[in-house]
Amino acid sequence: MTTAAYQGEPGSNSATAARALFPDSRELPCTSFEQALDAVTLGAADVAVIPVDNSAAGRVADVHHLLPESGLFIVAEYFLAIRFDLMGVPGATLDQVECVRSHVHALGQCRKILREGGWRTLVSDDTAGAAREVAELGDPRHAALAPPAAAELYGLDVLRPEVEDDPDNTTRFVVLSRDAAFAPHSGEPTMTSLFFCVRNIPSALYKALGGFASSGVNLTKIESYQMGAGLNPSRFYVEVEGHPDDERVALALHELRFFSTEVRILGVYPAHPHRAKS
């Protein structure tokens, strides 16, 4: 049986994504992204299901810094439609609510109803954890913004359903494994994730990425981050459309390596069908 680790508690969006990807798996909830990745590295889990960005809130903090350092490989991606309900203890009403709890990203994705209610907010480690906290408090003045599954799981009433600002709110998850299971070069839509560190020379990034432009390879993501005290060259996490064995991608990677001190492919995996819809 596959063991899937994720950050958060049962009932969270990460738990929903893990269940959709691995319906017959054993779930391993973790308190942090780092703990979920470590669970795979140490063999306590086979895969980790980690959110990397959200259509409304942007990238998930720290994840792109952790991915290259984890030593794990991306083997799949998954797009999950995000829904949040405002929920409270049984019998509570909207008029009684004074404080709303949730993860910082969920609070940022439900600003309209928070402004409408004029409630103060408290940040929780996890959306489902916020629902659990409200259930444990048993106080009608406290409510939670959490996925619909959390209401049933923790015995809460839905005070208002689907309160997310954007009805197209979507989070992208990646699946990480200890082993590099690169997708075959079959002509099917494929994504390649990689990490690189530029040489410390003028215009290094411009030159390193020039091969993608001249080869007509689409970069769908580029994230930079600094290691150490800020005196070292920047490191970059990049996602491209295509397979490393594609002639155009291979040419772009050749040029990238010439202007980089390190290039490491983190994953080659099938593009999720959601990309075609976008």
C-alpha atoms as a PDB file:
ATOM      1  CA  MET A   1       0.000   0.000   0.000  1.00  0.00           C
ATOM      2  CA  THR A   2       1.299   3.452  -0.939  1.00  0.00           C
ATOM      3  CA  THR A   3       1.824   5.909   1.914  1.00  0.00           C
ATOM      4  CA  ALA A   4       1.190   9.528   0.917  1.00  0.00           C
ATOM      5  CA  ALA A   5       2.503  12.322   3.144  1.00  0.00           C
ATOM      6  CA  TYR A   6       1.093  15.844   3.069  1.00  0.00           C
ATOM      7  CA  GLN A   7       1.211  19.013   5.130  1.00  0.00           C
ATOM      8  CA  GLY A   8      -1.958  19.605   7.111  1.00  0.00           C
ATOM      9  CA  GLU A   9      -4.659  17.667   8.886  1.00  0.00           C
ATOM     10  CA  PRO A  10      -7.323  15.269   7.600  1.00  0.00           C
ATOM     11  CA  GLY A  11      -9.980  17.276   5.787  1.00  0.00           C
ATOM     12  CA  SER A  12      -7.498  19.772   4.318  1.00  0.00           C
ATOM     13  CA  ASN A  13      -7.106  20.507   0.612  1.00  0.00           C
ATOM     14  CA  SER A  14      -3.805  18.638   0.629  1.00  0.00           C
ATOM     15  CA  ALA A  15      -5.586  15.582   2.052  1.00  0.00           C
ATOM     16  CA  THR A  16      -8.200  15.870  -0.708  1.00  0.00           C
ATOM     17  CA  ALA A  17      -5.485  16.047  -3.382  1.00  0.00           C
ATOM     18  CA  ALA A  18      -3.634  13.062  -1.896  1.00  0.00           C
ATOM     19  CA  ARG A  19      -6.851  11.025  -1.825  1.00  0.00           C
ATOM     20  CA  ALA A  20      -7.658  11.923  -5.431  1.00  0.00           C
ATOM     21  CA  LEU A  21      -4.185  10.918  -6.593  1.00  0.00           C
ATOM     22  CA  PHE A  22      -3.837   7.811  -4.406  1.00  0.00           C
ATOM     23  CA  PRO A  23      -7.356   6.697  -3.420  1.00  0.00           C
ATOM     24  CA  ASP A  24      -6.221   3.447  -1.777  1.00  0.00           C
ATOM     25  CA  SER A  25      -3.195   4.888   0.009  1.00  0.00           C
ATOM     26  CA  ARG A  26      -2.387   5.276   3.675  1.00  0.00           C
ATOM     27  CA  GLU A  27      -2.322   8.962   4.568  1.00  0.00           C
ATOM     28  CA  LEU A  28       0.426  10.536   6.646  1.00  0.00           C
ATOM     29  CA  PRO A  29      -0.528  14.060   7.824  1.00  0.00           C
ATOM     30  CA  CYS A  30       2.483  16.247   8.694  1.00  0.00           C
ATOM     31  CA  THR A  31       2.822  19.550  10.513  1.00  0.00           C
ATOM     32  CA  SER A  32       5.082  21.181   7.901  1.00  0.00           C
ATOM     33  CA  PHE A  33       6.166  20.844   4.286  1.00  0.00           C
ATOM     34  CA  GLU A  34       9.669  19.970   5.444  1.00  0.00           C
ATOM     35  CA  GLN A  35       8.343  17.152   7.620  1.00  0.00           C
ATOM     36  CA  ALA A  36       6.331  15.761   4.689  1.00  0.00           C
ATOM     37  CA  LEU A  37       9.410  15.777   2.449  1.00  0.00           C
ATOM     38  CA  ASP A  38      11.545  14.235   5.198  1.00  0.00           C
ATOM     39  CA  ALA A  39       8.979  11.442   5.580  1.00  0.00           C
ATOM     40  CA  VAL A  40       9.683  10.417   1.980  1.00  0.00           C
ATOM     41  CA  THR A  41      13.442  10.860   2.298  1.00  0.00           C
ATOM     42  CA  LEU A  42      13.552   8.686   5.433  1.00  0.00           C
ATOM     43  CA  GLY A  43      11.216   6.024   4.028  1.00  0.00           C
ATOM     44  CA  ALA A  44       8.207   6.683   6.271  1.00  0.00           C
ATOM     45  CA  ALA A  45       6.187   7.577   3.148  1.00  0.00           C
ATOM     46  CA  ASP A  46       6.420   6.648  -0.515  1.00  0.00           C
ATOM     47  CA  VAL A  47       5.320  10.006  -1.902  1.00  0.00           C
ATOM     48  CA  ALA A  48       4.635  13.551  -0.713  1.00  0.00           C
ATOM     49  CA  VAL A  49       1.789  15.639  -2.146  1.00  0.00           C
ATOM     50  CA  ILE A  50       2.804  19.289  -1.865  1.00  0.00           C
ATOM     51  CA  PRO A  51       1.056  22.497  -3.047  1.00  0.00           C
ATOM     52  CA  VAL A  52       3.322  24.799  -5.028  1.00  0.00           C
ATOM     53  CA  ASP A  53       1.095  27.662  -6.161  1.00  0.00           C
ATOM     54  CA  ASN A  54      -2.447  28.967  -6.117  1.00  0.00           C
ATOM     55  CA  SER A  55      -4.242  30.914  -8.852  1.00  0.00           C
ATOM     56  CA  ALA A  56      -5.315  33.611  -6.373  1.00  0.00           C
ATOM     57  CA  ALA A  57      -2.584  33.705  -3.725  1.00  0.00           C
ATOM     58  CA  GLY A  58       0.473  32.920  -5.867  1.00  0.00           C
ATOM     59  CA  ARG A  59       3.320  30.650  -4.871  1.00  0.00           C
ATOM     60  CA  VAL A  60       3.320  28.742  -1.613  1.00  0.00           C
ATOM     61  CA  ALA A  61       6.084  30.172   0.575  1.00  0.00           C
ATOM     62  CA  ASP A  62       9.239  28.093   1.150  1.00  0.00           C
ATOM     63  CA  VAL A  63       8.239  25.226  -1.146  1.00  0.00           C
ATOM     64  CA  HIS A  64      10.485  26.204  -4.077  1.00  0.00           C
ATOM     65  CA  HIS A  65      13.357  26.620  -1.644  1.00  0.00           C
ATOM     66  CA  LEU A  66      12.731  23.147  -0.181  1.00  0.00           C
ATOM     67  CA  LEU A  67      12.276  21.201  -3.421  1.00  0.00           C
ATOM     68  CA  PRO A  68      15.871  21.372  -4.746  1.00  0.00           C
ATOM     69  CA  GLU A  69      17.312  20.715  -1.298  1.00  0.00           C
ATOM     70  CA  SER A  70      15.109  17.691  -0.561  1.00  0.00           C
ATOM     71  CA  GLY A  71      16.866  15.313  -2.957  1.00  0.00           C
ATOM     72  CA  LEU A  72      13.437  14.110  -4.149  1.00  0.00           C
ATOM     73  CA  PHE A  73      12.023  14.011  -7.668  1.00  0.00           C
ATOM     74  CA  ILE A  74       8.743  15.337  -9.053  1.00  0.00           C
ATOM     75  CA  VAL A  75       6.797  12.482 -10.663  1.00  0.00           C
ATOM     76  CA  ALA A  76       3.347  14.054 -11.212  1.00  0.00           C
ATOM     77  CA  GLU A  77       1.281  17.214 -10.920  1.00  0.00           C
ATOM     78  CA  TYR A  78      -2.356  17.739  -9.957  1.00  0.00           C
ATOM     79  CA  PHE A  79      -4.691  20.740 -10.127  1.00  0.00           C
ATOM     80  CA  LEU A  80      -7.387  20.940  -7.443  1.00  0.00           C
ATOM     81  CA  ALA A  81     -10.372  23.300  -7.540  1.00  0.00           C
ATOM     82  CA  ILE A  82     -10.398  25.067  -4.172  1.00  0.00           C
ATOM     83  CA  ARG A  83     -13.641  25.532  -2.261  1.00  0.00           C
ATOM     84  CA  PHE A  84     -13.995  27.102   1.181  1.00  0.00           C
ATOM     85  CA  ASP A  85     -17.031  27.060   3.463  1.00  0.00           C
ATOM     86  CA  LEU A  86     -17.521  29.277   6.489  1.00  0.00           C
ATOM     87  CA  MET A  87     -18.350  26.867   9.307  1.00  0.00           C
ATOM     88  CA  GLY A  88     -19.129  27.070  13.003  1.00  0.00           C
ATOM     89  CA  VAL A  89     -20.263  24.934  15.918  1.00  0.00           C
ATOM     90  CA  PRO A  90     -23.697  23.288  15.683  1.00  0.00           C
ATOM     91  CA  GLY A  91     -26.473  25.822  16.143  1.00  0.00           C
ATOM     92  CA  ALA A  92     -24.248  28.873  15.557  1.00  0.00           C
ATOM     93  CA  THR A  93     -25.438  31.714  13.315  1.00  0.00           C
ATOM     94  CA  LEU A  94     -23.582  34.308  11.250  1.00  0.00           C
ATOM     95  CA  ASP A  95     -24.743  37.038  13.606  1.00  0.00           C
ATOM     96  CA  GLN A  96     -22.844  35.385  16.467  1.00  0.00           C
ATOM     97  CA  VAL A  97     -19.497  35.172  14.663  1.00  0.00           C
ATOM     98  CA  GLU A  98     -16.777  37.518  15.900  1.00  0.00           C
ATOM     99  CA  CYS A  99     -13.572  35.740  14.847  1.00  0.00           C
ATOM    100  CA  VAL A 100     -12.675  33.633  11.807  1.00  0.00           C
ATOM    101  CA  ARG A 101      -9.777  31.186  11.824  1.00  0.00           C
ATOM    102  CA  SER A 102      -7.925  29.679   8.871  1.00  0.00           C
ATOM    103  CA  HIS A 103      -4.595  29.268   7.126  1.00  0.00           C
ATOM    104  CA  VAL A 104      -3.096  32.555   5.950  1.00  0.00           C
ATOM    105  CA  HIS A 105      -3.607  31.595   2.280  1.00  0.00           C
ATOM    106  CA  ALA A 106      -7.281  30.766   2.836  1.00  0.00           C
ATOM    107  CA  LEU A 107      -7.838  34.087   4.582  1.00  0.00           C
ATOM    108  CA  GLY A 108      -6.275  35.815   1.586  1.00  0.00           C
ATOM    109  CA  GLN A 109      -8.531  33.910  -0.815  1.00  0.00           C
ATOM    110  CA  CYS A 110     -11.756  34.823   1.030  1.00  0.00           C
ATOM    111  CA  ARG A 111     -11.301  38.563   1.571  1.00  0.00           C
ATOM    112  CA  LYS A 112     -14.771  39.549   0.360  1.00  0.00           C
ATOM    113  CA  ILE A 113     -16.728  37.705   3.022  1.00  0.00           C
ATOM    114  CA  LEU A 114     -14.241  38.765   5.708  1.00  0.00           C
ATOM    115  CA  ARG A 115     -14.749  42.420   4.771  1.00  0.00           C
ATOM    116  CA  GLU A 116     -18.490  41.910   4.635  1.00  0.00           C
ATOM    117  CA  GLY A 117     -18.577  40.383   8.110  1.00  0.00           C
ATOM    118  CA  GLY A 118     -16.042  42.752   9.632  1.00  0.00           C
ATOM    119  CA  TRP A 119     -14.659  39.879  11.698  1.00  0.00           C
ATOM    120  CA  ARG A 120     -11.195  39.705  13.202  1.00  0.00           C
ATOM    121  CA  THR A 121      -9.048  36.852  11.935  1.00  0.00           C
ATOM    122  CA  LEU A 122      -6.678  34.356  13.494  1.00  0.00           C
ATOM    123  CA  VAL A 123      -4.091  32.446  11.464  1.00  0.00           C
ATOM    124  CA  SER A 124      -4.002  28.671  11.918  1.00  0.00           C
ATOM    125  CA  ASP A 125      -1.381  26.230  10.674  1.00  0.00           C
ATOM    126  CA  ASP A 126      -3.915  24.570   8.404  1.00  0.00           C
ATOM    127  CA  THR A 127      -7.454  25.054   7.102  1.00  0.00           C
ATOM    128  CA  ALA A 128      -8.723  21.750   8.479  1.00  0.00           C
ATOM    129  CA  GLY A 129      -6.838  22.473  11.692  1.00  0.00           C
ATOM    130  CA  ALA A 130      -8.836  25.697  11.990  1.00  0.00           C
ATOM    131  CA  ALA A 131     -12.049  23.664  11.764  1.00  0.00           C
ATOM    132  CA  ARG A 132     -10.791  21.305  14.465  1.00  0.00           C
ATOM    133  CA  GLU A 133      -9.905  24.262  16.695  1.00  0.00           C
ATOM    134  CA  VAL A 134     -13.403  25.710  16.323  1.00  0.00           C
ATOM    135  CA  ALA A 135     -14.942  22.338  17.151  1.00  0.00           C
ATOM    136  CA  GLU A 136     -12.767  22.018  20.254  1.00  0.00           C
ATOM    137  CA  LEU A 137     -13.597  25.548  21.429  1.00  0.00           C
ATOM    138  CA  GLY A 138     -17.343  24.963  21.124  1.00  0.00           C
ATOM    139  CA  ASP A 139     -17.841  28.733  20.992  1.00  0.00           C
ATOM    140  CA  PRO A 140     -20.358  30.159  18.458  1.00  0.00           C
ATOM    141  CA  ARG A 141     -18.312  33.361  18.285  1.00  0.00           C
ATOM    142  CA  HIS A 142     -15.553  31.450  16.465  1.00  0.00           C
ATOM    143  CA  ALA A 143     -15.841  30.206  12.882  1.00  0.00           C
ATOM    144  CA  ALA A 144     -13.442  28.621  10.392  1.00  0.00           C
ATOM    145  CA  LEU A 145     -12.755  28.923   6.689  1.00  0.00           C
ATOM    146  CA  ALA A 146     -12.097  25.352   5.628  1.00  0.00           C
ATOM    147  CA  PRO A 147     -12.747  22.854   2.814  1.00  0.00           C
ATOM    148  CA  PRO A 148     -16.260  21.336   2.781  1.00  0.00           C
ATOM    149  CA  ALA A 149     -14.958  17.940   3.950  1.00  0.00           C
ATOM    150  CA  ALA A 150     -13.789  19.458   7.240  1.00  0.00           C
ATOM    151  CA  ALA A 151     -17.342  20.355   8.341  1.00  0.00           C
ATOM    152  CA  GLU A 152     -18.476  16.742   8.287  1.00  0.00           C
ATOM    153  CA  LEU A 153     -15.203  15.476   9.709  1.00  0.00           C
ATOM    154  CA  TYR A 154     -15.306  17.768  12.749  1.00  0.00           C
ATOM    155  CA  GLY A 155     -19.077  17.997  13.204  1.00  0.00           C
ATOM    156  CA  LEU A 156     -19.520  21.653  12.254  1.00  0.00           C
ATOM    157  CA  ASP A 157     -22.399  23.480  10.597  1.00  0.00           C
ATOM    158  CA  VAL A 158     -21.833  25.298   7.305  1.00  0.00           C
ATOM    159  CA  LEU A 159     -22.808  28.918   7.904  1.00  0.00           C
ATOM    160  CA  ARG A 160     -22.187  29.929   4.296  1.00  0.00           C
ATOM    161  CA  PRO A 161     -20.914  27.682   1.481  1.00  0.00           C
ATOM    162  CA  GLU A 162     -18.382  28.481  -1.257  1.00  0.00           C
ATOM    163  CA  VAL A 163     -17.110  31.782   0.068  1.00  0.00           C
ATOM    164  CA  GLU A 164     -13.871  31.891  -1.961  1.00  0.00           C
ATOM    165  CA  ASP A 165     -13.412  35.163  -3.863  1.00  0.00           C
ATOM    166  CA  ASP A 166     -12.649  33.475  -7.190  1.00  0.00           C
ATOM    167  CA  PRO A 167     -14.905  30.629  -8.405  1.00  0.00           C
ATOM    168  CA  ASP A 168     -11.983  29.434 -10.541  1.00  0.00           C
ATOM    169  CA  ASN A 169      -9.661  29.270  -7.526  1.00  0.00           C
ATOM    170  CA  THR A 170      -7.202  26.427  -8.186  1.00  0.00           C
ATOM    171  CA  THR A 171      -4.141  25.057  -6.424  1.00  0.00           C
ATOM    172  CA  ARG A 172      -1.425  23.106  -8.187  1.00  0.00           C
ATOM    173  CA  PHE A 173       0.176  20.211  -6.328  1.00  0.00           C
ATOM    174  CA  VAL A 174       3.251  18.171  -7.184  1.00  0.00           C
ATOM    175  CA  VAL A 175       3.984  14.593  -6.182  1.00  0.00           C
ATOM    176  CA  LEU A 176       7.505  13.864  -4.978  1.00  0.00           C
ATOM    177  CA  SER A 177       9.264  10.508  -4.747  1.00  0.00           C
ATOM    178  CA  ARG A 178      12.680   9.219  -3.743  1.00  0.00           C
ATOM    179  CA  ASP A 179      13.182   7.717  -7.200  1.00  0.00           C
ATOM    180  CA  ALA A 180      13.373   9.598 -10.485  1.00  0.00           C
ATOM    181  CA  ALA A 181      10.529   8.182 -12.587  1.00  0.00           C
ATOM    182  CA  PHE A 182      10.897  10.363 -15.675  1.00  0.00           C
ATOM    183  CA  ALA A 183       7.996  10.164 -18.112  1.00  0.00           C
ATOM    184  CA  PRO A 184       8.881   8.502 -21.432  1.00  0.00           C
ATOM    185  CA  HIS A 185       9.403  10.603 -24.540  1.00  0.00           C
ATOM    186  CA  SER A 186       6.121   9.620 -26.179  1.00  0.00           C
ATOM    187  CA  GLY A 187       4.968  12.865 -27.776  1.00  0.00           C
ATOM    188  CA  GLU A 188       2.343  13.428 -25.079  1.00  0.00           C
ATOM    189  CA  PRO A 189       2.268  16.833 -23.299  1.00  0.00           C
ATOM    190  CA  THR A 190       5.074  16.784 -20.762  1.00  0.00           C
ATOM    191  CA  MET A 191       6.473  19.136 -18.137  1.00  0.00           C
ATOM    192  CA  THR A 192      10.098  19.380 -17.025  1.00  0.00           C
ATOM    193  CA  SER A 193      11.065  20.920 -13.687  1.00  0.00           C
ATOM    194  CA  LEU A 194      14.658  21.871 -13.055  1.00  0.00           C
ATOM    195  CA  PHE A 195      16.940  23.816 -10.772  1.00  0.00           C
ATOM    196  CA  PHE A 196      19.981  25.823 -11.824  1.00  0.00           C
ATOM    197  CA  CYS A 197      22.536  28.241 -10.433  1.00  0.00           C
ATOM    198  CA  VAL A 198      23.994  30.854 -12.791  1.00  0.00           C
ATOM    199  CA  ARG A 199      27.685  31.640 -13.115  1.00  0.00           C
ATOM    200  CA  ASN A 200      28.713  34.860 -11.389  1.00  0.00           C
ATOM    201  CA  ILE A 201      29.212  36.878 -14.583  1.00  0.00           C
ATOM    202  CA  PRO A 202      27.368  39.876 -16.113  1.00  0.00           C
ATOM    203  CA  SER A 203      24.064  39.026 -17.844  1.00  0.00           C
ATOM    204  CA  ALA A 204      24.363  35.384 -16.775  1.00  0.00           C
ATOM    205  CA  LEU A 205      20.617  34.877 -16.368  1.00  0.00           C
ATOM    206  CA  TYR A 206      19.845  36.553 -19.704  1.00  0.00           C
ATOM    207  CA  LYS A 207      22.361  34.329 -21.454  1.00  0.00           C
ATOM    208  CA  ALA A 208      21.327  31.181 -19.592  1.00  0.00           C
ATOM    209  CA  LEU A 209      17.685  31.581 -20.575  1.00  0.00           C
ATOM    210  CA  GLY A 210      18.414  32.743 -24.110  1.00  0.00           C
ATOM    211  CA  GLY A 211      18.384  29.176 -25.397  1.00  0.00           C
ATOM    212  CA  PHE A 212      14.760  28.700 -24.402  1.00  0.00           C
ATOM    213  CA  ALA A 213      13.746  31.799 -26.358  1.00  0.00           C
ATOM    214  CA  SER A 214      15.775  30.970 -29.477  1.00  0.00           C
ATOM    215  CA  SER A 215      14.556  27.353 -29.413  1.00  0.00           C
ATOM    216  CA  GLY A 216      10.910  28.317 -28.922  1.00  0.00           C
ATOM    217  CA  VAL A 217      10.545  26.501 -25.608  1.00  0.00           C
ATOM    218  CA  ASN A 218       7.871  27.879 -23.295  1.00  0.00           C
ATOM    219  CA  LEU A 219       8.873  28.659 -19.708  1.00  0.00           C
ATOM    220  CA  THR A 220       5.770  28.372 -17.520  1.00  0.00           C
ATOM    221  CA  LYS A 221       7.489  29.278 -14.249  1.00  0.00           C
ATOM    222  CA  ILE A 222      10.717  30.796 -12.986  1.00  0.00           C
ATOM    223  CA  GLU A 223      11.351  31.415  -9.289  1.00  0.00           C
ATOM    224  CA  SER A 224      14.542  32.847  -7.816  1.00  0.00           C
ATOM    225  CA  TYR A 225      15.878  32.519  -4.317  1.00  0.00           C
ATOM    226  CA  GLN A 226      19.069  33.298  -2.471  1.00  0.00           C
ATOM    227  CA  MET A 227      21.189  30.979  -0.361  1.00  0.00           C
ATOM    228  CA  GLY A 228      23.380  32.274   2.430  1.00  0.00           C
ATOM    229  CA  ALA A 229      23.871  35.942   3.256  1.00  0.00           C
ATOM    230  CA  GLY A 230      22.956  37.220  -0.192  1.00  0.00           C
ATOM    231  CA  LEU A 231      26.494  37.408  -1.584  1.00  0.00           C
ATOM    232  CA  ASN A 232      26.152  34.216  -3.638  1.00  0.00           C
ATOM    233  CA  PRO A 233      24.672  34.029  -7.149  1.00  0.00           C
ATOM    234  CA  SER A 234      20.917  33.490  -7.234  1.00  0.00           C
ATOM    235  CA  ARG A 235      19.440  30.052  -7.692  1.00  0.00           C
ATOM    236  CA  PHE A 236      16.415  29.411  -9.885  1.00  0.00           C
ATOM    237  CA  TYR A 237      13.577  26.916 -10.072  1.00  0.00           C
ATOM    238  CA  VAL A 238      12.143  26.620 -13.589  1.00  0.00           C
ATOM    239  CA  GLU A 239       9.338  24.687 -15.271  1.00  0.00           C
ATOM    240  CA  VAL A 240       9.207  24.239 -19.041  1.00  0.00           C
ATOM    241  CA  GLU A 241       6.785  22.678 -21.482  1.00  0.00           C
ATOM    242  CA  GLY A 242       8.410  19.715 -23.155  1.00  0.00           C
ATOM    243  CA  HIS A 243      10.650  16.696 -22.597  1.00  0.00           C
ATOM    244  CA  PRO A 244      14.470  16.852 -22.252  1.00  0.00           C
ATOM    245  CA  ASP A 245      14.682  14.488 -25.227  1.00  0.00           C
ATOM    246  CA  ASP A 246      12.802  16.962 -27.428  1.00  0.00           C
ATOM    247  CA  GLU A 247      15.357  18.494 -29.787  1.00  0.00           C
ATOM    248  CA  ARG A 248      14.369  22.072 -28.914  1.00  0.00           C
ATOM    249  CA  VAL A 249      14.425  21.436 -25.154  1.00  0.00           C
ATOM    250  CA  ALA A 250      17.761  19.623 -25.436  1.00  0.00           C
ATOM    251  CA  LEU A 251      19.298  22.601 -27.244  1.00  0.00           C
ATOM    252  CA  ALA A 252      17.957  25.021 -24.623  1.00  0.00           C
ATOM    253  CA  LEU A 253      19.335  22.879 -21.787  1.00  0.00           C
ATOM    254  CA  HIS A 254      22.732  22.707 -23.498  1.00  0.00           C
ATOM    255  CA  GLU A 255      22.944  26.506 -23.552  1.00  0.00           C
ATOM    256  CA  LEU A 256      21.654  26.728 -19.979  1.00  0.00           C
ATOM    257  CA  ARG A 257      24.437  24.430 -18.751  1.00  0.00           C
ATOM    258  CA  PHE A 258      27.086  26.553 -20.475  1.00  0.00           C
ATOM    259  CA  PHE A 259      26.155  29.620 -18.394  1.00  0.00           C
ATOM    260  CA  SER A 260      25.387  27.774 -15.130  1.00  0.00           C
ATOM    261  CA  THR A 261      27.484  26.242 -12.401  1.00  0.00           C
ATOM    262  CA  GLU A 262      24.815  23.629 -11.711  1.00  0.00           C
ATOM    263  CA  VAL A 263      21.763  22.312 -13.560  1.00  0.00           C
ATOM    264  CA  ARG A 264      19.649  19.592 -12.006  1.00  0.00           C
ATOM    265  CA  ILE A 265      16.465  18.115 -13.480  1.00  0.00           C
ATOM    266  CA  LEU A 266      13.970  17.603 -10.664  1.00  0.00           C
ATOM    267  CA  GLY A 267      11.283  15.875 -12.670  1.00  0.00           C
ATOM    268  CA  VAL A 268       9.873  14.976 -16.075  1.00  0.00           C
ATOM    269  CA  TYR A 269       6.178  14.184 -15.771  1.00  0.00           C
ATOM    270  CA  PRO A 270       2.907  14.182 -17.752  1.00  0.00           C
ATOM    271  CA  ALA A 271       1.199  17.571 -18.040  1.00  0.00           C
ATOM    272  CA  HIS A 272      -2.091  17.542 -16.132  1.00  0.00           C
ATOM    273  CA  PRO A 273      -5.239  17.867 -18.339  1.00  0.00           C
ATOM    274  CA  HIS A 274      -6.050  21.163 -16.553  1.00  0.00           C
ATOM    275  CA  ARG A 275      -3.283  22.804 -18.599  1.00  0.00           C
ATOM    276  CA  ALA A 276      -5.176  22.101 -21.824  1.00  0.00           C
ATOM    277  CA  LYS A 277      -8.268  23.813 -20.391  1.00  0.00           C
ATOM    278  CA  SER A 278      -6.184  26.871 -19.500  1.00  0.00           C
END
